[in-house]
Amino acid sequence: MSLRKASLLIFIILLVDQVSKIYIKTHFILGEEVQVFEWFKILFIENKGMAWGTEIPGQYGKIILTFFRILVVPCIGYWLWDTIQKRGSNYLILAIALIFAGALGNIIDSVFYGVLFDDSHIQVATLFTDKPYGTWFHGQVVDLFYFPFWHGILPTWLPIWGGRDFTFFNAIFNVADMAISTGVGILIFFNKKAFHKN
């Protein structure tokens, strides 16, 4: 895969990611959901930290996380460029491009959304507001895709979780998260093809 094709893929992922997030922010109140199918919902939440809402504790946790992301993305970008220059496998180039696009998509939220939007708690947010909900580097990542494939009480004979209320699949995510997960999946499941040397 050429650098041009990889760049086009990154651009398309970023465009779809940001258009979907901005649409949700400007049409949904936080916590609002639309059921598409029984097993698929559009559910608007905001993620303050990393995957599954994990946060770095403390007053500066969010800023540390945002700057860590900003430092990592150029490294991923260099890895992509270097792999293309060395004519690496298309599996590897695709995986890196997906991870790069996803990481960049979530950085945009973290860096800019706090100053671009007002609060979404009891109202639909306004883009380019004069009353932003946060500051630079303190934006929250928008998540919207929810696939609760199964919900119920687990059998009591199961160790640890038996008898508990359980939902599979419980994560809520966005296009950027999907890109990162797909890229990592390619590296794991197609490892030999991704790192194959001619």
N, C-alpha and C. Protein backbone atom coordinates (compact mmCIF):
# COMPACT_ATOMS: atom_id res chain seq x y z
N MET A 1 0.85 -1.19 0.00
CA MET A 1 0.00 0.00 0.00
C MET A 1 0.89 1.24 0.00
N SER A 2 0.55 2.18 -0.83
CA SER A 2 1.34 3.40 -0.95
C SER A 2 0.98 4.39 0.16
N LEU A 3 1.84 5.39 0.33
CA LEU A 3 1.59 6.44 1.31
C LEU A 3 0.32 7.21 0.95
N ARG A 4 0.09 7.39 -0.34
CA ARG A 4 -1.10 8.11 -0.79
C ARG A 4 -2.38 7.37 -0.39
N LYS A 5 -2.40 6.07 -0.61
CA LYS A 5 -3.57 5.26 -0.25
C LYS A 5 -3.77 5.22 1.26
N ALA A 6 -2.67 5.09 2.00
CA ALA A 6 -2.77 5.07 3.46
C ALA A 6 -3.29 6.41 3.97
N SER A 7 -2.82 7.50 3.38
CA SER A 7 -3.27 8.84 3.78
C SER A 7 -4.75 9.03 3.47
N LEU A 8 -5.20 8.51 2.32
CA LEU A 8 -6.62 8.61 1.96
C LEU A 8 -7.48 7.83 2.95
N LEU A 9 -7.03 6.64 3.33
CA LEU A 9 -7.75 5.84 4.32
C LEU A 9 -7.85 6.57 5.64
N ILE A 10 -6.74 7.15 6.10
CA ILE A 10 -6.73 7.91 7.35
C ILE A 10 -7.70 9.09 7.28
N PHE A 11 -7.68 9.81 6.17
CA PHE A 11 -8.58 10.95 5.99
C PHE A 11 -10.04 10.53 6.05
N ILE A 12 -10.39 9.43 5.37
CA ILE A 12 -11.78 8.95 5.35
C ILE A 12 -12.23 8.56 6.75
N ILE A 13 -11.38 7.84 7.49
CA ILE A 13 -11.74 7.43 8.85
C ILE A 13 -11.94 8.65 9.74
N LEU A 14 -11.02 9.61 9.64
CA LEU A 14 -11.14 10.84 10.44
C LEU A 14 -12.42 11.60 10.09
N LEU A 15 -12.73 11.68 8.81
CA LEU A 15 -13.93 12.40 8.37
C LEU A 15 -15.19 11.74 8.92
N VAL A 16 -15.31 10.42 8.74
CA VAL A 16 -16.49 9.70 9.23
C VAL A 16 -16.57 9.79 10.75
N ASP A 17 -15.43 9.67 11.43
CA ASP A 17 -15.40 9.74 12.88
C ASP A 17 -15.89 11.10 13.38
N GLN A 18 -15.34 12.17 12.83
CA GLN A 18 -15.69 13.50 13.31
C GLN A 18 -17.11 13.92 12.90
N VAL A 19 -17.54 13.56 11.70
CA VAL A 19 -18.91 13.88 11.28
C VAL A 19 -19.91 13.18 12.19
N SER A 20 -19.67 11.91 12.50
CA SER A 20 -20.60 11.17 13.37
C SER A 20 -20.61 11.76 14.78
N LYS A 21 -19.46 12.13 15.31
CA LYS A 21 -19.38 12.70 16.66
C LYS A 21 -20.05 14.08 16.72
N ILE A 22 -19.78 14.91 15.73
CA ILE A 22 -20.38 16.25 15.73
C ILE A 22 -21.90 16.16 15.56
N TYR A 23 -22.35 15.22 14.73
CA TYR A 23 -23.80 15.03 14.57
C TYR A 23 -24.43 14.64 15.90
N ILE A 24 -23.83 13.67 16.59
CA ILE A 24 -24.38 13.22 17.88
C ILE A 24 -24.37 14.37 18.89
N LYS A 25 -23.27 15.10 18.95
CA LYS A 25 -23.16 16.22 19.92
C LYS A 25 -24.22 17.29 19.66
N THR A 26 -24.55 17.53 18.40
CA THR A 26 -25.46 18.62 18.07
C THR A 26 -26.92 18.17 17.85
N HIS A 27 -27.19 16.88 18.09
CA HIS A 27 -28.56 16.38 17.93
C HIS A 27 -29.06 15.55 19.12
N PHE A 28 -28.16 15.14 20.03
CA PHE A 28 -28.53 14.30 21.16
C PHE A 28 -28.17 14.99 22.47
N ILE A 29 -28.98 14.76 23.50
CA ILE A 29 -28.63 15.13 24.87
C ILE A 29 -27.85 13.97 25.46
N LEU A 30 -26.89 14.26 26.33
CA LEU A 30 -26.08 13.22 26.95
C LEU A 30 -26.97 12.15 27.58
N GLY A 31 -26.73 10.90 27.22
CA GLY A 31 -27.53 9.79 27.73
C GLY A 31 -28.69 9.40 26.84
N GLU A 32 -29.01 10.23 25.84
CA GLU A 32 -30.11 9.91 24.93
C GLU A 32 -29.73 8.75 24.02
N GLU A 33 -30.70 7.90 23.71
CA GLU A 33 -30.42 6.76 22.85
C GLU A 33 -31.52 6.54 21.82
N VAL A 34 -31.14 5.92 20.72
CA VAL A 34 -32.07 5.52 19.68
C VAL A 34 -31.82 4.04 19.40
N GLN A 35 -32.87 3.23 19.48
CA GLN A 35 -32.73 1.81 19.20
C GLN A 35 -32.86 1.57 17.72
N VAL A 36 -31.78 1.09 17.10
CA VAL A 36 -31.77 0.78 15.67
C VAL A 36 -32.31 -0.63 15.46
N PHE A 37 -31.73 -1.57 16.19
CA PHE A 37 -32.22 -2.95 16.26
C PHE A 37 -32.25 -3.33 17.74
N GLU A 38 -32.77 -4.52 18.02
CA GLU A 38 -32.81 -4.96 19.42
C GLU A 38 -31.40 -5.08 19.99
N TRP A 39 -30.43 -5.40 19.12
CA TRP A 39 -29.05 -5.63 19.55
C TRP A 39 -28.12 -4.46 19.20
N PHE A 40 -28.66 -3.34 18.71
CA PHE A 40 -27.82 -2.20 18.32
C PHE A 40 -28.53 -0.90 18.65
N LYS A 41 -27.83 -0.04 19.41
CA LYS A 41 -28.37 1.26 19.78
C LYS A 41 -27.34 2.35 19.50
N ILE A 42 -27.85 3.54 19.19
CA ILE A 42 -27.02 4.74 19.19
C ILE A 42 -27.24 5.37 20.56
N LEU A 43 -26.21 5.40 21.37
CA LEU A 43 -26.29 5.91 22.74
C LEU A 43 -25.18 6.93 22.95
N PHE A 44 -25.54 8.17 23.25
CA PHE A 44 -24.57 9.25 23.40
C PHE A 44 -24.03 9.30 24.82
N ILE A 45 -22.73 8.99 24.95
CA ILE A 45 -22.03 9.20 26.22
C ILE A 45 -20.73 9.94 25.92
N GLU A 46 -20.12 10.47 26.97
CA GLU A 46 -18.81 11.11 26.83
C GLU A 46 -17.82 10.40 27.73
N ASN A 47 -16.67 10.11 27.17
CA ASN A 47 -15.63 9.36 27.86
C ASN A 47 -14.54 10.32 28.32
N LYS A 48 -14.32 10.39 29.61
CA LYS A 48 -13.33 11.32 30.15
C LYS A 48 -11.90 10.80 30.03
N GLY A 49 -11.76 9.51 29.85
CA GLY A 49 -10.41 8.95 29.87
C GLY A 49 -10.11 8.03 28.72
N MET A 50 -9.66 6.84 29.07
CA MET A 50 -9.23 5.87 28.07
C MET A 50 -10.37 4.90 27.79
N ALA A 51 -10.01 3.71 27.32
CA ALA A 51 -11.02 2.69 27.00
C ALA A 51 -11.82 2.32 28.23
N TRP A 52 -13.11 2.06 28.03
CA TRP A 52 -14.06 1.69 29.08
C TRP A 52 -14.14 2.74 30.17
N GLY A 53 -13.86 3.99 29.82
CA GLY A 53 -14.01 5.07 30.79
C GLY A 53 -12.93 5.13 31.84
N THR A 54 -11.85 4.39 31.66
CA THR A 54 -10.74 4.41 32.62
C THR A 54 -10.15 5.81 32.68
N GLU A 55 -9.84 6.27 33.87
CA GLU A 55 -9.28 7.61 34.03
C GLU A 55 -7.97 7.56 34.80
N ILE A 56 -7.09 8.50 34.52
CA ILE A 56 -5.90 8.68 35.34
C ILE A 56 -6.31 9.59 36.49
N PRO A 57 -6.20 9.12 37.73
CA PRO A 57 -6.68 9.92 38.85
C PRO A 57 -5.85 11.18 39.07
N GLY A 58 -6.47 12.13 39.76
CA GLY A 58 -5.76 13.35 40.12
C GLY A 58 -6.17 14.54 39.27
N GLN A 59 -5.77 15.70 39.72
CA GLN A 59 -6.15 16.95 39.08
C GLN A 59 -5.61 17.06 37.65
N TYR A 60 -4.43 16.47 37.41
CA TYR A 60 -3.80 16.60 36.11
C TYR A 60 -3.89 15.33 35.27
N GLY A 61 -4.74 14.38 35.71
CA GLY A 61 -4.86 13.12 35.00
C GLY A 61 -5.25 13.27 33.55
N LYS A 62 -6.25 14.10 33.29
CA LYS A 62 -6.75 14.29 31.93
C LYS A 62 -5.70 14.93 31.04
N ILE A 63 -5.00 15.93 31.55
CA ILE A 63 -3.98 16.61 30.74
C ILE A 63 -2.79 15.69 30.45
N ILE A 64 -2.45 14.84 31.42
CA ILE A 64 -1.37 13.87 31.22
C ILE A 64 -1.75 12.89 30.12
N LEU A 65 -2.99 12.40 30.17
CA LEU A 65 -3.46 11.46 29.16
C LEU A 65 -3.47 12.10 27.77
N THR A 66 -3.95 13.33 27.67
CA THR A 66 -4.01 14.02 26.38
C THR A 66 -2.61 14.24 25.80
N PHE A 67 -1.68 14.70 26.63
CA PHE A 67 -0.32 14.93 26.14
C PHE A 67 0.37 13.61 25.79
N PHE A 68 0.06 12.54 26.52
CA PHE A 68 0.62 11.22 26.18
C PHE A 68 0.15 10.81 24.79
N ARG A 69 -1.15 11.01 24.52
CA ARG A 69 -1.69 10.69 23.19
C ARG A 69 -1.00 11.52 22.11
N ILE A 70 -0.79 12.81 22.39
CA ILE A 70 -0.17 13.71 21.41
C ILE A 70 1.27 13.28 21.13
N LEU A 71 1.97 12.77 22.14
CA LEU A 71 3.35 12.30 21.95
C LEU A 71 3.40 10.98 21.17
N VAL A 72 2.42 10.12 21.39
CA VAL A 72 2.42 8.80 20.77
C VAL A 72 2.07 8.87 19.28
N VAL A 73 1.14 9.74 18.90
CA VAL A 73 0.66 9.78 17.51
C VAL A 73 1.79 10.06 16.51
N PRO A 74 2.70 11.02 16.73
CA PRO A 74 3.80 11.18 15.77
C PRO A 74 4.68 9.94 15.65
N CYS A 75 4.83 9.21 16.74
CA CYS A 75 5.61 7.96 16.69
C CYS A 75 4.92 6.94 15.80
N ILE A 76 3.59 6.84 15.91
CA ILE A 76 2.84 5.94 15.05
C ILE A 76 2.93 6.40 13.60
N GLY A 77 2.86 7.73 13.38
CA GLY A 77 2.98 8.28 12.04
C GLY A 77 4.33 7.96 11.42
N TYR A 78 5.39 8.07 12.22
CA TYR A 78 6.73 7.73 11.72
C TYR A 78 6.82 6.25 11.41
N TRP A 79 6.23 5.41 12.26
CA TRP A 79 6.22 3.96 12.03
C TRP A 79 5.54 3.65 10.70
N LEU A 80 4.43 4.33 10.44
CA LEU A 80 3.71 4.14 9.18
C LEU A 80 4.58 4.55 7.99
N TRP A 81 5.16 5.74 8.06
CA TRP A 81 6.00 6.24 6.97
C TRP A 81 7.20 5.31 6.73
N ASP A 82 7.85 4.89 7.81
CA ASP A 82 9.02 4.02 7.71
C ASP A 82 8.65 2.66 7.11
N THR A 83 7.51 2.12 7.52
CA THR A 83 7.07 0.82 7.00
C THR A 83 6.79 0.91 5.51
N ILE A 84 6.19 2.01 5.08
CA ILE A 84 5.91 2.19 3.65
C ILE A 84 7.22 2.34 2.88
N GLN A 85 8.17 3.12 3.41
CA GLN A 85 9.47 3.30 2.74
C GLN A 85 10.21 1.97 2.60
N LYS A 86 10.06 1.11 3.60
CA LYS A 86 10.75 -0.19 3.57
C LYS A 86 9.92 -1.27 2.88
N ARG A 87 8.82 -0.84 2.25
CA ARG A 87 7.94 -1.75 1.53
C ARG A 87 7.46 -2.90 2.41
N GLY A 88 6.96 -2.55 3.57
CA GLY A 88 6.38 -3.54 4.47
C GLY A 88 5.11 -4.12 3.90
N SER A 89 4.60 -5.16 4.54
CA SER A 89 3.41 -5.84 4.04
C SER A 89 2.19 -4.92 4.12
N ASN A 90 1.23 -5.16 3.23
CA ASN A 90 0.00 -4.38 3.25
C ASN A 90 -0.78 -4.57 4.54
N TYR A 91 -0.68 -5.76 5.13
CA TYR A 91 -1.33 -6.01 6.42
C TYR A 91 -0.81 -5.05 7.48
N LEU A 92 0.51 -4.90 7.54
CA LEU A 92 1.13 -4.04 8.54
C LEU A 92 0.79 -2.57 8.27
N ILE A 93 0.88 -2.15 7.02
CA ILE A 93 0.58 -0.76 6.67
C ILE A 93 -0.87 -0.43 7.00
N LEU A 94 -1.78 -1.34 6.65
CA LEU A 94 -3.21 -1.14 6.95
C LEU A 94 -3.44 -1.02 8.46
N ALA A 95 -2.82 -1.92 9.22
CA ALA A 95 -2.99 -1.91 10.67
C ALA A 95 -2.49 -0.60 11.28
N ILE A 96 -1.31 -0.17 10.88
CA ILE A 96 -0.75 1.07 11.44
C ILE A 96 -1.61 2.27 11.04
N ALA A 97 -2.06 2.31 9.79
CA ALA A 97 -2.90 3.42 9.33
C ALA A 97 -4.19 3.50 10.13
N LEU A 98 -4.81 2.35 10.41
CA LEU A 98 -6.04 2.32 11.21
C LEU A 98 -5.79 2.81 12.63
N ILE A 99 -4.72 2.35 13.23
CA ILE A 99 -4.38 2.77 14.61
C ILE A 99 -4.08 4.27 14.65
N PHE A 100 -3.33 4.75 13.66
CA PHE A 100 -3.00 6.17 13.58
C PHE A 100 -4.26 7.02 13.45
N ALA A 101 -5.15 6.63 12.53
CA ALA A 101 -6.39 7.39 12.31
C ALA A 101 -7.25 7.41 13.57
N GLY A 102 -7.38 6.26 14.22
CA GLY A 102 -8.19 6.18 15.44
C GLY A 102 -7.63 7.01 16.57
N ALA A 103 -6.33 6.94 16.76
CA ALA A 103 -5.70 7.72 17.83
C ALA A 103 -5.86 9.22 17.56
N LEU A 104 -5.67 9.63 16.32
CA LEU A 104 -5.81 11.03 15.95
C LEU A 104 -7.25 11.51 16.12
N GLY A 105 -8.21 10.64 15.77
CA GLY A 105 -9.62 10.99 15.92
C GLY A 105 -9.99 11.29 17.36
N ASN A 106 -9.52 10.48 18.30
CA ASN A 106 -9.83 10.71 19.71
C ASN A 106 -9.04 11.88 20.30
N ILE A 107 -7.85 12.15 19.74
CA ILE A 107 -7.09 13.33 20.18
C ILE A 107 -7.83 14.61 19.83
N ILE A 108 -8.46 14.64 18.66
CA ILE A 108 -9.22 15.83 18.26
C ILE A 108 -10.28 16.16 19.31
N ASP A 109 -10.99 15.13 19.78
CA ASP A 109 -12.00 15.33 20.83
C ASP A 109 -11.35 15.91 22.09
N SER A 110 -10.27 15.26 22.53
CA SER A 110 -9.61 15.64 23.78
C SER A 110 -9.06 17.07 23.75
N VAL A 111 -8.50 17.45 22.62
CA VAL A 111 -7.86 18.76 22.52
C VAL A 111 -8.88 19.88 22.27
N PHE A 112 -9.83 19.66 21.35
CA PHE A 112 -10.66 20.76 20.87
C PHE A 112 -12.10 20.81 21.39
N TYR A 113 -12.70 19.67 21.71
CA TYR A 113 -14.13 19.66 22.00
C TYR A 113 -14.50 20.49 23.23
N GLY A 114 -13.59 20.58 24.20
CA GLY A 114 -13.88 21.36 25.40
C GLY A 114 -14.11 22.84 25.13
N VAL A 115 -13.49 23.36 24.04
CA VAL A 115 -13.65 24.78 23.72
C VAL A 115 -14.58 25.01 22.52
N LEU A 116 -14.98 23.93 21.83
CA LEU A 116 -15.85 24.08 20.66
C LEU A 116 -17.33 23.93 21.00
N PHE A 117 -17.63 23.15 22.05
CA PHE A 117 -19.02 22.83 22.38
C PHE A 117 -19.39 23.32 23.77
N ASP A 118 -20.69 23.60 23.97
CA ASP A 118 -21.17 23.82 25.33
C ASP A 118 -21.67 22.49 25.89
N ASP A 119 -22.21 22.53 27.11
CA ASP A 119 -22.57 21.32 27.84
C ASP A 119 -23.68 20.54 27.16
N SER A 120 -23.63 19.19 27.28
CA SER A 120 -24.64 18.32 26.68
C SER A 120 -25.57 17.68 27.70
N HIS A 121 -25.47 18.06 28.97
CA HIS A 121 -26.20 17.35 30.03
C HIS A 121 -27.72 17.55 29.97
N ILE A 122 -28.18 18.74 29.80
CA ILE A 122 -29.63 18.98 29.78
C ILE A 122 -30.07 19.68 28.49
N GLN A 123 -29.19 19.69 27.52
CA GLN A 123 -29.48 20.37 26.26
C GLN A 123 -28.67 19.74 25.14
N VAL A 124 -29.08 20.01 23.92
CA VAL A 124 -28.27 19.63 22.77
C VAL A 124 -27.14 20.64 22.66
N ALA A 125 -25.92 20.16 22.50
CA ALA A 125 -24.75 21.04 22.47
C ALA A 125 -24.73 21.91 21.22
N THR A 126 -24.13 23.07 21.36
CA THR A 126 -23.95 24.01 20.25
C THR A 126 -22.49 24.02 19.84
N LEU A 127 -22.24 23.91 18.54
CA LEU A 127 -20.88 23.98 18.01
C LEU A 127 -20.48 25.45 17.89
N PHE A 128 -19.23 25.76 18.20
CA PHE A 128 -18.69 27.13 18.18
C PHE A 128 -19.46 28.03 19.14
N THR A 129 -19.65 27.54 20.35
CA THR A 129 -20.38 28.28 21.37
C THR A 129 -19.49 29.34 22.03
N ASP A 130 -20.13 30.32 22.66
CA ASP A 130 -19.37 31.29 23.44
C ASP A 130 -19.34 30.90 24.92
N LYS A 131 -19.93 29.73 25.26
CA LYS A 131 -19.90 29.21 26.63
C LYS A 131 -19.44 27.75 26.62
N PRO A 132 -18.16 27.52 26.33
CA PRO A 132 -17.67 26.14 26.22
C PRO A 132 -17.73 25.40 27.56
N TYR A 133 -17.85 24.06 27.46
CA TYR A 133 -17.96 23.26 28.68
C TYR A 133 -16.61 22.97 29.33
N GLY A 134 -15.51 23.22 28.61
CA GLY A 134 -14.19 22.92 29.16
C GLY A 134 -13.14 23.88 28.65
N THR A 135 -11.90 23.42 28.68
CA THR A 135 -10.77 24.23 28.21
C THR A 135 -9.97 23.40 27.20
N TRP A 136 -8.96 24.00 26.61
CA TRP A 136 -8.08 23.29 25.70
C TRP A 136 -7.51 22.05 26.40
N PHE A 137 -7.42 20.96 25.70
CA PHE A 137 -6.84 19.69 26.18
C PHE A 137 -7.69 18.99 27.25
N HIS A 138 -8.88 19.49 27.53
CA HIS A 138 -9.75 18.88 28.53
C HIS A 138 -11.09 18.45 27.93
N GLY A 139 -11.13 18.25 26.62
CA GLY A 139 -12.36 17.79 25.99
C GLY A 139 -12.65 16.33 26.30
N GLN A 140 -13.90 15.95 26.18
CA GLN A 140 -14.30 14.57 26.43
C GLN A 140 -14.57 13.87 25.10
N VAL A 141 -14.19 12.60 25.04
CA VAL A 141 -14.33 11.83 23.81
C VAL A 141 -15.78 11.35 23.67
N VAL A 142 -16.36 11.56 22.51
CA VAL A 142 -17.75 11.17 22.23
C VAL A 142 -17.80 9.70 21.83
N ASP A 143 -18.65 8.93 22.51
CA ASP A 143 -18.91 7.53 22.16
C ASP A 143 -20.38 7.38 21.82
N LEU A 144 -20.69 6.47 20.89
CA LEU A 144 -22.08 6.40 20.42
C LEU A 144 -22.58 5.03 19.99
N PHE A 145 -21.72 4.10 19.67
CA PHE A 145 -22.19 2.79 19.20
C PHE A 145 -22.29 1.81 20.36
N TYR A 146 -23.45 1.19 20.50
CA TYR A 146 -23.69 0.27 21.62
C TYR A 146 -24.34 -0.99 21.06
N PHE A 147 -23.72 -2.14 21.30
CA PHE A 147 -24.21 -3.41 20.80
C PHE A 147 -24.49 -4.38 21.95
N PRO A 148 -25.61 -4.19 22.66
CA PRO A 148 -25.94 -5.13 23.74
C PRO A 148 -26.56 -6.41 23.16
N PHE A 149 -25.70 -7.31 22.66
CA PHE A 149 -26.17 -8.51 21.97
C PHE A 149 -27.04 -9.39 22.87
N TRP A 150 -26.69 -9.44 24.15
CA TRP A 150 -27.46 -10.28 25.07
C TRP A 150 -27.47 -9.62 26.45
N HIS A 151 -28.64 -9.62 27.06
CA HIS A 151 -28.77 -9.08 28.41
C HIS A 151 -29.64 -10.02 29.23
N GLY A 152 -29.18 -10.35 30.43
CA GLY A 152 -29.96 -11.24 31.30
C GLY A 152 -29.21 -11.57 32.57
N ILE A 153 -29.77 -12.50 33.31
CA ILE A 153 -29.15 -12.97 34.55
C ILE A 153 -28.37 -14.24 34.23
N LEU A 154 -27.10 -14.26 34.63
CA LEU A 154 -26.27 -15.42 34.38
C LEU A 154 -26.70 -16.59 35.28
N PRO A 155 -26.54 -17.83 34.81
CA PRO A 155 -26.91 -18.99 35.63
C PRO A 155 -26.15 -19.00 36.96
N THR A 156 -26.82 -19.43 38.02
CA THR A 156 -26.21 -19.40 39.36
C THR A 156 -25.06 -20.38 39.50
N TRP A 157 -24.99 -21.40 38.63
CA TRP A 157 -23.91 -22.37 38.74
C TRP A 157 -22.57 -21.84 38.21
N LEU A 158 -22.58 -20.69 37.54
CA LEU A 158 -21.32 -20.10 37.06
C LEU A 158 -20.52 -19.55 38.24
N PRO A 159 -19.23 -19.88 38.32
CA PRO A 159 -18.41 -19.32 39.41
C PRO A 159 -18.24 -17.80 39.24
N ILE A 160 -18.12 -17.10 40.31
CA ILE A 160 -17.88 -15.66 40.43
C ILE A 160 -19.07 -14.82 39.94
N TRP A 161 -19.50 -14.99 38.66
CA TRP A 161 -20.53 -14.13 38.08
C TRP A 161 -21.94 -14.72 38.16
N GLY A 162 -22.07 -15.94 38.63
CA GLY A 162 -23.37 -16.61 38.65
C GLY A 162 -24.45 -15.82 39.39
N GLY A 163 -25.61 -15.70 38.76
CA GLY A 163 -26.73 -14.99 39.35
C GLY A 163 -26.71 -13.48 39.16
N ARG A 164 -25.67 -12.98 38.52
CA ARG A 164 -25.55 -11.53 38.33
C ARG A 164 -26.17 -11.07 37.01
N ASP A 165 -26.60 -9.80 37.01
CA ASP A 165 -27.09 -9.15 35.80
C ASP A 165 -25.91 -8.94 34.86
N PHE A 166 -26.05 -9.31 33.58
CA PHE A 166 -24.92 -9.27 32.66
C PHE A 166 -25.38 -8.84 31.27
N THR A 167 -24.56 -8.00 30.62
CA THR A 167 -24.80 -7.58 29.24
C THR A 167 -23.58 -7.92 28.40
N PHE A 168 -23.80 -8.58 27.30
CA PHE A 168 -22.74 -8.84 26.34
C PHE A 168 -23.21 -8.26 24.99
N PHE A 169 -22.59 -7.34 24.51
CA PHE A 169 -21.32 -6.68 24.61
C PHE A 169 -21.58 -5.31 25.24
N ASN A 170 -20.88 -4.95 26.30
CA ASN A 170 -21.26 -3.78 27.09
C ASN A 170 -20.52 -2.49 26.75
N ALA A 171 -19.51 -2.56 25.90
CA ALA A 171 -18.72 -1.37 25.57
C ALA A 171 -19.50 -0.42 24.66
N ILE A 172 -19.29 0.88 24.85
CA ILE A 172 -19.84 1.91 23.96
C ILE A 172 -18.64 2.60 23.33
N PHE A 173 -18.63 2.74 22.01
CA PHE A 173 -17.43 3.19 21.33
C PHE A 173 -17.77 4.06 20.14
N ASN A 174 -16.73 4.51 19.42
CA ASN A 174 -16.90 5.38 18.25
C ASN A 174 -16.11 4.84 17.06
N VAL A 175 -16.14 5.55 15.95
CA VAL A 175 -15.44 5.10 14.74
C VAL A 175 -13.93 5.01 14.98
N ALA A 176 -13.37 5.97 15.70
CA ALA A 176 -11.93 5.95 16.00
C ALA A 176 -11.56 4.71 16.81
N ASP A 177 -12.38 4.37 17.80
CA ASP A 177 -12.13 3.16 18.60
C ASP A 177 -12.18 1.92 17.72
N MET A 178 -13.14 1.88 16.80
CA MET A 178 -13.26 0.74 15.88
C MET A 178 -12.00 0.61 15.03
N ALA A 179 -11.47 1.73 14.57
CA ALA A 179 -10.26 1.71 13.74
C ALA A 179 -9.08 1.17 14.54
N ILE A 180 -8.91 1.65 15.76
CA ILE A 180 -7.81 1.18 16.61
C ILE A 180 -7.95 -0.32 16.87
N SER A 181 -9.14 -0.75 17.25
CA SER A 181 -9.37 -2.17 17.56
C SER A 181 -9.12 -3.06 16.35
N THR A 182 -9.56 -2.60 15.17
CA THR A 182 -9.34 -3.37 13.95
C THR A 182 -7.86 -3.46 13.63
N GLY A 183 -7.15 -2.34 13.77
CA GLY A 183 -5.70 -2.33 13.53
C GLY A 183 -4.96 -3.26 14.46
N VAL A 184 -5.29 -3.22 15.73
CA VAL A 184 -4.66 -4.12 16.71
C VAL A 184 -5.02 -5.57 16.41
N GLY A 185 -6.30 -5.80 16.01
CA GLY A 185 -6.73 -7.15 15.64
C GLY A 185 -5.94 -7.71 14.48
N ILE A 186 -5.67 -6.88 13.48
CA ILE A 186 -4.86 -7.31 12.34
C ILE A 186 -3.46 -7.72 12.79
N LEU A 187 -2.87 -6.91 13.67
CA LEU A 187 -1.52 -7.22 14.16
C LEU A 187 -1.49 -8.52 14.96
N ILE A 188 -2.58 -8.81 15.67
CA ILE A 188 -2.62 -10.04 16.49
C ILE A 188 -2.92 -11.27 15.63
N PHE A 189 -3.99 -11.19 14.85
CA PHE A 189 -4.46 -12.38 14.13
C PHE A 189 -3.74 -12.64 12.81
N PHE A 190 -3.14 -11.59 12.25
CA PHE A 190 -2.39 -11.77 11.00
C PHE A 190 -0.92 -11.39 11.23
N ASN A 191 -0.43 -11.75 12.40
CA ASN A 191 0.92 -11.36 12.81
C ASN A 191 1.99 -11.80 11.82
N LYS A 192 1.93 -13.04 11.40
CA LYS A 192 2.97 -13.56 10.50
C LYS A 192 2.92 -12.87 9.15
N LYS A 193 1.72 -12.59 8.65
CA LYS A 193 1.61 -11.89 7.36
C LYS A 193 1.99 -10.42 7.50
N ALA A 194 1.63 -9.81 8.65
CA ALA A 194 1.92 -8.39 8.85
C ALA A 194 3.42 -8.15 8.92
N PHE A 195 4.15 -9.03 9.60
CA PHE A 195 5.58 -8.82 9.80
C PHE A 195 6.42 -9.71 8.91
N HIS A 196 5.81 -10.22 7.82
CA HIS A 196 6.53 -11.05 6.87
C HIS A 196 7.54 -10.21 6.12
N LYS A 197 8.74 -10.75 5.94
CA LYS A 197 9.79 -10.05 5.19
C LYS A 197 10.04 -10.79 3.89
N ASN A 198 10.02 -10.03 2.79
CA ASN A 198 10.26 -10.64 1.48
C ASN A 198 11.72 -11.06 1.39
